Amino acid sequence: MEGYVIGDKDLVLGFRLVGIRGTAVSNRNESLEVLRRIINEGNAKIVFISEDLSMQIQDELDAIRSRSIGPLIAEILGRTGMKGELPTVQKLIQKILKIRV
């Protein structure tokens, strides 16, 4: 499966270490530009986007998902949680694995 990640530079670097390409972005406009390019190229089957960026483009993500075309778009935790606070390791494990630690 061909994947792609959109997020901050640390998130993109982490994914590159496991062989998944990506682009580091810092704002809403850059996120939309990269996402549209990936969808138009049609190579990616799944796109990972950091939660903080996905919140900024939620309407566009909903529109893409409603058309049922293009890649699966998965929102993942970035460096900060939803409220801008740094998550603890325990919170990260709980959120990712959906289990209570």
PDB file of N, CA and C in Angstrom:
ATOM      1  N   MET A   1       0.850  -1.176   0.000  1.00  0.00           N
ATOM      2  CA  MET A   1       0.000   0.000   0.000  1.00  0.00           C
ATOM      3  C   MET A   1       0.893   1.235   0.000  1.00  0.00           C
ATOM      4  N   GLU A   2       0.582   2.138  -0.874  1.00  0.00           N
ATOM      5  CA  GLU A   2       1.324   3.378  -0.963  1.00  0.00           C
ATOM      6  C   GLU A   2       0.720   4.391  -0.009  1.00  0.00           C
ATOM      7  N   GLY A   3       1.523   4.908   0.899  1.00  0.00           N
ATOM      8  CA  GLY A   3       1.059   5.887   1.866  1.00  0.00           C
ATOM      9  C   GLY A   3       1.767   7.214   1.695  1.00  0.00           C
ATOM     10  N   TYR A   4       1.204   8.237   2.311  1.00  0.00           N
ATOM     11  CA  TYR A   4       1.781   9.572   2.268  1.00  0.00           C
ATOM     12  C   TYR A   4       1.402  10.265   3.566  1.00  0.00           C
ATOM     13  N   VAL A   5       2.286  11.093   4.096  1.00  0.00           N
ATOM     14  CA  VAL A   5       2.004  11.804   5.335  1.00  0.00           C
ATOM     15  C   VAL A   5       2.143  13.307   5.130  1.00  0.00           C
ATOM     16  N   ILE A   6       1.226  14.049   5.751  1.00  0.00           N
ATOM     17  CA  ILE A   6       1.254  15.506   5.740  1.00  0.00           C
ATOM     18  C   ILE A   6       1.254  15.951   7.196  1.00  0.00           C
ATOM     19  N   GLY A   7       2.267  16.710   7.584  1.00  0.00           N
ATOM     20  CA  GLY A   7       2.357  17.148   8.976  1.00  0.00           C
ATOM     21  C   GLY A   7       3.575  18.017   9.200  1.00  0.00           C
ATOM     22  N   ASP A   8       3.965  18.157  10.468  1.00  0.00           N
ATOM     23  CA  ASP A   8       5.157  18.940  10.763  1.00  0.00           C
ATOM     24  C   ASP A   8       6.402  18.136  10.407  1.00  0.00           C
ATOM     25  N   LYS A   9       7.557  18.788  10.450  1.00  0.00           N
ATOM     26  CA  LYS A   9       8.784  18.137   9.967  1.00  0.00           C
ATOM     27  C   LYS A   9       9.157  16.901  10.780  1.00  0.00           C
ATOM     28  N   ASP A  10       8.886  16.897  12.084  1.00  0.00           N
ATOM     29  CA  ASP A  10       9.209  15.733  12.906  1.00  0.00           C
ATOM     30  C   ASP A  10       8.331  14.533  12.553  1.00  0.00           C
ATOM     31  N   LEU A  11       7.055  14.771  12.318  1.00  0.00           N
ATOM     32  CA  LEU A  11       6.133  13.704  11.943  1.00  0.00           C
ATOM     33  C   LEU A  11       6.528  13.114  10.587  1.00  0.00           C
ATOM     34  N   VAL A  12       6.829  13.975   9.635  1.00  0.00           N
ATOM     35  CA  VAL A  12       7.224  13.521   8.302  1.00  0.00           C
ATOM     36  C   VAL A  12       8.522  12.721   8.381  1.00  0.00           C
ATOM     37  N   LEU A  13       9.473  13.183   9.170  1.00  0.00           N
ATOM     38  CA  LEU A  13      10.735  12.463   9.336  1.00  0.00           C
ATOM     39  C   LEU A  13      10.498  11.074   9.926  1.00  0.00           C
ATOM     40  N   GLY A  14       9.646  10.988  10.929  1.00  0.00           N
ATOM     41  CA  GLY A  14       9.338   9.693  11.532  1.00  0.00           C
ATOM     42  C   GLY A  14       8.752   8.718  10.536  1.00  0.00           C
ATOM     43  N   PHE A  15       7.861   9.175   9.694  1.00  0.00           N
ATOM     44  CA  PHE A  15       7.267   8.307   8.678  1.00  0.00           C
ATOM     45  C   PHE A  15       8.281   7.924   7.605  1.00  0.00           C
ATOM     46  N   ARG A  16       9.174   8.856   7.271  1.00  0.00           N
ATOM     47  CA  ARG A  16      10.201   8.538   6.275  1.00  0.00           C
ATOM     48  C   ARG A  16      11.120   7.424   6.765  1.00  0.00           C
ATOM     49  N   LEU A  17      11.333   7.366   8.066  1.00  0.00           N
ATOM     50  CA  LEU A  17      12.187   6.316   8.626  1.00  0.00           C
ATOM     51  C   LEU A  17      11.610   4.925   8.405  1.00  0.00           C
ATOM     52  N   VAL A  18      10.303   4.832   8.221  1.00  0.00           N
ATOM     53  CA  VAL A  18       9.677   3.529   7.948  1.00  0.00           C
ATOM     54  C   VAL A  18       9.256   3.405   6.480  1.00  0.00           C
ATOM     55  N   GLY A  19       9.755   4.304   5.645  1.00  0.00           N
ATOM     56  CA  GLY A  19       9.549   4.175   4.211  1.00  0.00           C
ATOM     57  C   GLY A  19       8.324   4.845   3.631  1.00  0.00           C
ATOM     58  N   ILE A  20       7.686   5.728   4.380  1.00  0.00           N
ATOM     59  CA  ILE A  20       6.499   6.423   3.875  1.00  0.00           C
ATOM     60  C   ILE A  20       6.873   7.859   3.546  1.00  0.00           C
ATOM     61  N   ARG A  21       6.617   8.240   2.308  1.00  0.00           N
ATOM     62  CA  ARG A  21       6.946   9.595   1.870  1.00  0.00           C
ATOM     63  C   ARG A  21       6.003  10.613   2.507  1.00  0.00           C
ATOM     64  N   GLY A  22       6.414  11.882   2.492  1.00  0.00           N
ATOM     65  CA  GLY A  22       5.562  12.918   3.040  1.00  0.00           C
ATOM     66  C   GLY A  22       6.087  14.308   2.762  1.00  0.00           C
ATOM     67  N   THR A  23       5.289  15.273   3.164  1.00  0.00           N
ATOM     68  CA  THR A  23       5.644  16.679   3.008  1.00  0.00           C
ATOM     69  C   THR A  23       5.372  17.400   4.318  1.00  0.00           C
ATOM     70  N   ALA A  24       6.364  18.168   4.746  1.00  0.00           N
ATOM     71  CA  ALA A  24       6.200  18.985   5.941  1.00  0.00           C
ATOM     72  C   ALA A  24       5.517  20.288   5.565  1.00  0.00           C
ATOM     73  N   VAL A  25       4.453  20.613   6.282  1.00  0.00           N
ATOM     74  CA  VAL A  25       3.713  21.856   6.047  1.00  0.00           C
ATOM     75  C   VAL A  25       3.501  22.551   7.384  1.00  0.00           C
ATOM     76  N   SER A  26       3.172  23.835   7.311  1.00  0.00           N
ATOM     77  CA  SER A  26       3.020  24.581   8.559  1.00  0.00           C
ATOM     78  C   SER A  26       1.703  25.337   8.676  1.00  0.00           C
ATOM     79  N   ASN A  27       0.885  25.307   7.618  1.00  0.00           N
ATOM     80  CA  ASN A  27      -0.368  26.049   7.708  1.00  0.00           C
ATOM     81  C   ASN A  27      -1.458  25.419   6.847  1.00  0.00           C
ATOM     82  N   ARG A  28      -2.628  25.991   6.930  1.00  0.00           N
ATOM     83  CA  ARG A  28      -3.813  25.488   6.234  1.00  0.00           C
ATOM     84  C   ARG A  28      -3.633  25.440   4.723  1.00  0.00           C
ATOM     85  N   ASN A  29      -3.146  26.532   4.149  1.00  0.00           N
ATOM     86  CA  ASN A  29      -3.007  26.617   2.695  1.00  0.00           C
ATOM     87  C   ASN A  29      -2.023  25.586   2.159  1.00  0.00           C
ATOM     88  N   GLU A  30      -0.896  25.420   2.835  1.00  0.00           N
ATOM     89  CA  GLU A  30       0.080  24.423   2.407  1.00  0.00           C
ATOM     90  C   GLU A  30      -0.525  23.019   2.504  1.00  0.00           C
ATOM     91  N   SER A  31      -1.278  22.765   3.560  1.00  0.00           N
ATOM     92  CA  SER A  31      -1.911  21.457   3.753  1.00  0.00           C
ATOM     93  C   SER A  31      -2.855  21.139   2.593  1.00  0.00           C
ATOM     94  N   LEU A  32      -3.703  22.094   2.247  1.00  0.00           N
ATOM     95  CA  LEU A  32      -4.655  21.898   1.153  1.00  0.00           C
ATOM     96  C   LEU A  32      -3.945  21.697  -0.183  1.00  0.00           C
ATOM     97  N   GLU A  33      -2.915  22.475  -0.413  1.00  0.00           N
ATOM     98  CA  GLU A  33      -2.166  22.361  -1.669  1.00  0.00           C
ATOM     99  C   GLU A  33      -1.561  20.965  -1.826  1.00  0.00           C
ATOM    100  N   VAL A  34      -0.920  20.469  -0.772  1.00  0.00           N
ATOM    101  CA  VAL A  34      -0.298  19.149  -0.822  1.00  0.00           C
ATOM    102  C   VAL A  34      -1.362  18.061  -0.942  1.00  0.00           C
ATOM    103  N   LEU A  35      -2.442  18.171  -0.174  1.00  0.00           N
ATOM    104  CA  LEU A  35      -3.504  17.170  -0.228  1.00  0.00           C
ATOM    105  C   LEU A  35      -4.115  17.087  -1.625  1.00  0.00           C
ATOM    106  N   ARG A  36      -4.391  18.208  -2.232  1.00  0.00           N
ATOM    107  CA  ARG A  36      -4.958  18.221  -3.593  1.00  0.00           C
ATOM    108  C   ARG A  36      -3.990  17.603  -4.597  1.00  0.00           C
ATOM    109  N   ARG A  37      -2.708  17.905  -4.446  1.00  0.00           N
ATOM    110  CA  ARG A  37      -1.704  17.342  -5.349  1.00  0.00           C
ATOM    111  C   ARG A  37      -1.655  15.821  -5.218  1.00  0.00           C
ATOM    112  N   ILE A  38      -1.684  15.316  -4.001  1.00  0.00           N
ATOM    113  CA  ILE A  38      -1.631  13.872  -3.761  1.00  0.00           C
ATOM    114  C   ILE A  38      -2.864  13.196  -4.355  1.00  0.00           C
ATOM    115  N   ILE A  39      -4.025  13.790  -4.166  1.00  0.00           N
ATOM    116  CA  ILE A  39      -5.256  13.211  -4.715  1.00  0.00           C
ATOM    117  C   ILE A  39      -5.214  13.212  -6.241  1.00  0.00           C
ATOM    118  N   ASN A  40      -4.752  14.296  -6.844  1.00  0.00           N
ATOM    119  CA  ASN A  40      -4.689  14.383  -8.301  1.00  0.00           C
ATOM    120  C   ASN A  40      -3.690  13.401  -8.900  1.00  0.00           C
ATOM    121  N   GLU A  41      -2.585  13.166  -8.207  1.00  0.00           N
ATOM    122  CA  GLU A  41      -1.595  12.200  -8.701  1.00  0.00           C
ATOM    123  C   GLU A  41      -2.162  10.786  -8.666  1.00  0.00           C
ATOM    124  N   GLY A  42      -2.966  10.487  -7.657  1.00  0.00           N
ATOM    125  CA  GLY A  42      -3.621   9.194  -7.580  1.00  0.00           C
ATOM    126  C   GLY A  42      -2.748   8.028  -7.159  1.00  0.00           C
ATOM    127  N   ASN A  43      -1.544   8.277  -6.670  1.00  0.00           N
ATOM    128  CA  ASN A  43      -0.643   7.192  -6.274  1.00  0.00           C
ATOM    129  C   ASN A  43      -0.864   6.699  -4.853  1.00  0.00           C
ATOM    130  N   ALA A  44      -1.272   7.561  -3.963  1.00  0.00           N
ATOM    131  CA  ALA A  44      -1.415   7.205  -2.554  1.00  0.00           C
ATOM    132  C   ALA A  44      -2.755   6.527  -2.298  1.00  0.00           C
ATOM    133  N   LYS A  45      -2.718   5.447  -1.546  1.00  0.00           N
ATOM    134  CA  LYS A  45      -3.939   4.747  -1.145  1.00  0.00           C
ATOM    135  C   LYS A  45      -4.410   5.217   0.227  1.00  0.00           C
ATOM    136  N   ILE A  46      -3.459   5.728   1.038  1.00  0.00           N
ATOM    137  CA  ILE A  46      -3.799   6.257   2.352  1.00  0.00           C
ATOM    138  C   ILE A  46      -2.949   7.498   2.611  1.00  0.00           C
ATOM    139  N   VAL A  47      -3.590   8.531   3.122  1.00  0.00           N
ATOM    140  CA  VAL A  47      -2.903   9.774   3.464  1.00  0.00           C
ATOM    141  C   VAL A  47      -3.070   9.985   4.964  1.00  0.00           C
ATOM    142  N   PHE A  48      -1.947  10.089   5.653  1.00  0.00           N
ATOM    143  CA  PHE A  48      -1.956  10.410   7.079  1.00  0.00           C
ATOM    144  C   PHE A  48      -1.771  11.908   7.205  1.00  0.00           C
ATOM    145  N   ILE A  49      -2.612  12.549   8.009  1.00  0.00           N
ATOM    146  CA  ILE A  49      -2.494  13.994   8.222  1.00  0.00           C
ATOM    147  C   ILE A  49      -2.568  14.251   9.715  1.00  0.00           C
ATOM    148  N   SER A  50      -1.701  15.132  10.195  1.00  0.00           N
ATOM    149  CA  SER A  50      -1.675  15.401  11.632  1.00  0.00           C
ATOM    150  C   SER A  50      -2.983  16.061  12.066  1.00  0.00           C
ATOM    151  N   GLU A  51      -3.370  15.744  13.280  1.00  0.00           N
ATOM    152  CA  GLU A  51      -4.649  16.191  13.816  1.00  0.00           C
ATOM    153  C   GLU A  51      -4.765  17.717  13.846  1.00  0.00           C
ATOM    154  N   ASP A  52      -3.684  18.395  14.188  1.00  0.00           N
ATOM    155  CA  ASP A  52      -3.757  19.859  14.258  1.00  0.00           C
ATOM    156  C   ASP A  52      -4.009  20.472  12.881  1.00  0.00           C
ATOM    157  N   LEU A  53      -3.440  19.888  11.834  1.00  0.00           N
ATOM    158  CA  LEU A  53      -3.700  20.383  10.482  1.00  0.00           C
ATOM    159  C   LEU A  53      -5.082  19.980   9.994  1.00  0.00           C
ATOM    160  N   SER A  54      -5.492  18.760  10.320  1.00  0.00           N
ATOM    161  CA  SER A  54      -6.804  18.296   9.851  1.00  0.00           C
ATOM    162  C   SER A  54      -7.936  19.136  10.434  1.00  0.00           C
ATOM    163  N   MET A  55      -7.746  19.644  11.650  1.00  0.00           N
ATOM    164  CA  MET A  55      -8.769  20.503  12.251  1.00  0.00           C
ATOM    165  C   MET A  55      -8.931  21.801  11.452  1.00  0.00           C
ATOM    166  N   GLN A  56      -7.840  22.254  10.836  1.00  0.00           N
ATOM    167  CA  GLN A  56      -7.883  23.502  10.072  1.00  0.00           C
ATOM    168  C   GLN A  56      -8.564  23.335   8.722  1.00  0.00           C
ATOM    169  N   ILE A  57      -8.590  22.102   8.200  1.00  0.00           N
ATOM    170  CA  ILE A  57      -9.172  21.869   6.874  1.00  0.00           C
ATOM    171  C   ILE A  57     -10.313  20.842   6.940  1.00  0.00           C
ATOM    172  N   GLN A  58     -10.994  20.772   8.064  1.00  0.00           N
ATOM    173  CA  GLN A  58     -12.017  19.755   8.280  1.00  0.00           C
ATOM    174  C   GLN A  58     -13.121  19.781   7.231  1.00  0.00           C
ATOM    175  N   ASP A  59     -13.576  20.957   6.827  1.00  0.00           N
ATOM    176  CA  ASP A  59     -14.636  21.047   5.813  1.00  0.00           C
ATOM    177  C   ASP A  59     -14.188  20.427   4.492  1.00  0.00           C
ATOM    178  N   GLU A  60     -12.954  20.716   4.086  1.00  0.00           N
ATOM    179  CA  GLU A  60     -12.437  20.159   2.847  1.00  0.00           C
ATOM    180  C   GLU A  60     -12.263  18.649   2.956  1.00  0.00           C
ATOM    181  N   LEU A  61     -11.803  18.161   4.102  1.00  0.00           N
ATOM    182  CA  LEU A  61     -11.661  16.719   4.299  1.00  0.00           C
ATOM    183  C   LEU A  61     -13.013  16.022   4.227  1.00  0.00           C
ATOM    184  N   ASP A  62     -14.020  16.627   4.832  1.00  0.00           N
ATOM    185  CA  ASP A  62     -15.369  16.054   4.778  1.00  0.00           C
ATOM    186  C   ASP A  62     -15.880  15.985   3.341  1.00  0.00           C
ATOM    187  N   ALA A  63     -15.613  17.024   2.560  1.00  0.00           N
ATOM    188  CA  ALA A  63     -16.047  17.039   1.164  1.00  0.00           C
ATOM    189  C   ALA A  63     -15.344  15.953   0.358  1.00  0.00           C
ATOM    190  N   ILE A  64     -14.061  15.768   0.583  1.00  0.00           N
ATOM    191  CA  ILE A  64     -13.305  14.722  -0.117  1.00  0.00           C
ATOM    192  C   ILE A  64     -13.837  13.350   0.266  1.00  0.00           C
ATOM    193  N   ARG A  65     -14.067  13.148   1.546  1.00  0.00           N
ATOM    194  CA  ARG A  65     -14.567  11.851   2.013  1.00  0.00           C
ATOM    195  C   ARG A  65     -15.970  11.568   1.483  1.00  0.00           C
ATOM    196  N   SER A  66     -16.802  12.584   1.341  1.00  0.00           N
ATOM    197  CA  SER A  66     -18.181  12.381   0.889  1.00  0.00           C
ATOM    198  C   SER A  66     -18.251  11.987  -0.583  1.00  0.00           C
ATOM    199  N   ARG A  67     -17.237  12.318  -1.356  1.00  0.00           N
ATOM    200  CA  ARG A  67     -17.215  11.955  -2.774  1.00  0.00           C
ATOM    201  C   ARG A  67     -16.805  10.504  -2.991  1.00  0.00           C
ATOM    202  N   SER A  68     -16.292   9.861  -1.952  1.00  0.00           N
ATOM    203  CA  SER A  68     -15.879   8.458  -2.017  1.00  0.00           C
ATOM    204  C   SER A  68     -14.872   8.185  -3.117  1.00  0.00           C
ATOM    205  N   ILE A  69     -14.059   9.163  -3.407  1.00  0.00           N
ATOM    206  CA  ILE A  69     -12.978   8.949  -4.366  1.00  0.00           C
ATOM    207  C   ILE A  69     -11.670   9.319  -3.694  1.00  0.00           C
ATOM    208  N   GLY A  70     -10.612   8.837  -4.241  1.00  0.00           N
ATOM    209  CA  GLY A  70      -9.311   9.186  -3.713  1.00  0.00           C
ATOM    210  C   GLY A  70      -8.894   8.294  -2.565  1.00  0.00           C
ATOM    211  N   PRO A  71      -7.830   8.670  -1.910  1.00  0.00           N
ATOM    212  CA  PRO A  71      -7.258   7.826  -0.863  1.00  0.00           C
ATOM    213  C   PRO A  71      -8.042   7.902   0.450  1.00  0.00           C
ATOM    214  N   LEU A  72      -7.794   6.923   1.293  1.00  0.00           N
ATOM    215  CA  LEU A  72      -8.292   6.967   2.659  1.00  0.00           C
ATOM    216  C   LEU A  72      -7.499   8.045   3.383  1.00  0.00           C
ATOM    217  N   ILE A  73      -8.176   8.897   4.126  1.00  0.00           N
ATOM    218  CA  ILE A  73      -7.495   9.964   4.857  1.00  0.00           C
ATOM    219  C   ILE A  73      -7.610   9.665   6.342  1.00  0.00           C
ATOM    220  N   ALA A  74      -6.449   9.459   6.992  1.00  0.00           N
ATOM    221  CA  ALA A  74      -6.412   9.115   8.410  1.00  0.00           C
ATOM    222  C   ALA A  74      -5.769  10.248   9.193  1.00  0.00           C
ATOM    223  N   GLU A  75      -6.478  10.712  10.218  1.00  0.00           N
ATOM    224  CA  GLU A  75      -5.960  11.765  11.077  1.00  0.00           C
ATOM    225  C   GLU A  75      -5.182  11.114  12.208  1.00  0.00           C
ATOM    226  N   ILE A  76      -3.973  11.614  12.453  1.00  0.00           N
ATOM    227  CA  ILE A  76      -3.128  11.055  13.500  1.00  0.00           C
ATOM    228  C   ILE A  76      -2.631  12.165  14.415  1.00  0.00           C
ATOM    229  N   LEU A  77      -2.218  11.777  15.605  1.00  0.00           N
ATOM    230  CA  LEU A  77      -1.693  12.757  16.549  1.00  0.00           C
ATOM    231  C   LEU A  77      -0.401  13.364  16.034  1.00  0.00           C
ATOM    232  N   GLY A  78      -0.301  14.652  16.164  1.00  0.00           N
ATOM    233  CA  GLY A  78       0.940  15.339  15.863  1.00  0.00           C
ATOM    234  C   GLY A  78       1.734  15.489  17.153  1.00  0.00           C
ATOM    235  N   ARG A  79       2.583  16.455  17.183  1.00  0.00           N
ATOM    236  CA  ARG A  79       3.406  16.694  18.363  1.00  0.00           C
ATOM    237  C   ARG A  79       2.572  17.164  19.551  1.00  0.00           C
ATOM    238  N   THR A  80       1.490  17.880  19.280  1.00  0.00           N
ATOM    239  CA  THR A  80       0.613  18.346  20.351  1.00  0.00           C
ATOM    240  C   THR A  80      -0.750  17.711  20.218  1.00  0.00           C
ATOM    241  N   GLY A  81      -1.467  17.668  21.307  1.00  0.00           N
ATOM    242  CA  GLY A  81      -2.814  17.123  21.301  1.00  0.00           C
ATOM    243  C   GLY A  81      -3.807  18.127  20.766  1.00  0.00           C
ATOM    244  N   MET A  82      -5.090  17.816  20.900  1.00  0.00           N
ATOM    245  CA  MET A  82      -6.151  18.668  20.374  1.00  0.00           C
ATOM    246  C   MET A  82      -6.137  20.071  20.962  1.00  0.00           C
ATOM    247  N   LYS A  83      -5.771  20.203  22.202  1.00  0.00           N
ATOM    248  CA  LYS A  83      -5.839  21.508  22.858  1.00  0.00           C
ATOM    249  C   LYS A  83      -4.479  22.197  22.901  1.00  0.00           C
ATOM    250  N   GLY A  84      -3.523  21.717  22.125  1.00  0.00           N
ATOM    251  CA  GLY A  84      -2.221  22.346  22.085  1.00  0.00           C
ATOM    252  C   GLY A  84      -1.300  21.926  23.208  1.00  0.00           C
ATOM    253  N   GLU A  85      -1.713  20.973  24.010  1.00  0.00           N
ATOM    254  CA  GLU A  85      -0.855  20.516  25.095  1.00  0.00           C
ATOM    255  C   GLU A  85      -0.084  19.282  24.647  1.00  0.00           C
ATOM    256  N   LEU A  86       1.099  19.105  25.209  1.00  0.00           N
ATOM    257  CA  LEU A  86       1.881  17.931  24.874  1.00  0.00           C
ATOM    258  C   LEU A  86       1.259  16.714  25.534  1.00  0.00           C
ATOM    259  N   PRO A  87       0.932  15.679  24.756  1.00  0.00           N
ATOM    260  CA  PRO A  87       0.321  14.494  25.344  1.00  0.00           C
ATOM    261  C   PRO A  87       1.359  13.642  26.066  1.00  0.00           C
ATOM    262  N   THR A  88       0.921  12.970  27.094  1.00  0.00           N
ATOM    263  CA  THR A  88       1.802  12.048  27.795  1.00  0.00           C
ATOM    264  C   THR A  88       1.893  10.763  26.996  1.00  0.00           C
ATOM    265  N   VAL A  89       2.897   9.973  27.272  1.00  0.00           N
ATOM    266  CA  VAL A  89       3.047   8.691  26.584  1.00  0.00           C
ATOM    267  C   VAL A  89       1.818   7.831  26.826  1.00  0.00           C
ATOM    268  N   GLN A  90       1.309   7.859  28.042  1.00  0.00           N
ATOM    269  CA  GLN A  90       0.123   7.069  28.368  1.00  0.00           C
ATOM    270  C   GLN A  90      -1.068   7.496  27.519  1.00  0.00           C
ATOM    271  N   LYS A  91      -1.276   8.801  27.364  1.00  0.00           N
ATOM    272  CA  LYS A  91      -2.387   9.286  26.546  1.00  0.00           C
ATOM    273  C   LYS A  91      -2.213   8.891  25.081  1.00  0.00           C
ATOM    274  N   LEU A  92      -0.973   8.947  24.589  1.00  0.00           N
ATOM    275  CA  LEU A  92      -0.718   8.547  23.214  1.00  0.00           C
ATOM    276  C   LEU A  92      -1.055   7.084  22.994  1.00  0.00           C
ATOM    277  N   ILE A  93      -0.618   6.226  23.902  1.00  0.00           N
ATOM    278  CA  ILE A  93      -0.896   4.797  23.788  1.00  0.00           C
ATOM    279  C   ILE A  93      -2.397   4.546  23.828  1.00  0.00           C
ATOM    280  N   GLN A  94      -3.088   5.199  24.751  1.00  0.00           N
ATOM    281  CA  GLN A  94      -4.538   5.018  24.861  1.00  0.00           C
ATOM    282  C   GLN A  94      -5.234   5.438  23.576  1.00  0.00           C
ATOM    283  N   LYS A  95      -4.839   6.557  23.016  1.00  0.00           N
ATOM    284  CA  LYS A  95      -5.508   7.055  21.826  1.00  0.00           C
ATOM    285  C   LYS A  95      -5.198   6.198  20.602  1.00  0.00           C
ATOM    286  N   ILE A  96      -3.955   5.803  20.445  1.00  0.00           N
ATOM    287  CA  ILE A  96      -3.560   5.035  19.268  1.00  0.00           C
ATOM    288  C   ILE A  96      -4.112   3.626  19.318  1.00  0.00           C
ATOM    289  N   LEU A  97      -3.961   2.949  20.452  1.00  0.00           N
ATOM    290  CA  LEU A  97      -4.366   1.557  20.559  1.00  0.00           C
ATOM    291  C   LEU A  97      -5.807   1.376  21.015  1.00  0.00           C
ATOM    292  N   LYS A  98      -6.441   2.480  21.413  1.00  0.00           N
ATOM    293  CA  LYS A  98      -7.831   2.423  21.899  1.00  0.00           C
ATOM    294  C   LYS A  98      -7.979   1.494  23.114  1.00  0.00           C
ATOM    295  N   ILE A  99      -6.964   1.527  23.973  1.00  0.00           N
ATOM    296  CA  ILE A  99      -7.021   0.740  25.208  1.00  0.00           C
ATOM    297  C   ILE A  99      -6.686   1.638  26.385  1.00  0.00           C
ATOM    298  N   ARG A 100      -7.046   1.201  27.537  1.00  0.00           N
ATOM    299  CA  ARG A 100      -6.732   1.953  28.756  1.00  0.00           C
ATOM    300  C   ARG A 100      -5.472   1.385  29.366  1.00  0.00           C
ATOM    301  N   VAL A 101      -4.506   2.246  29.634  1.00  0.00           N
ATOM    302  CA  VAL A 101      -3.225   1.812  30.191  1.00  0.00           C
ATOM    303  C   VAL A 101      -3.128   2.221  31.639  1.00  0.00           C
TER     304      VAL A 101
END
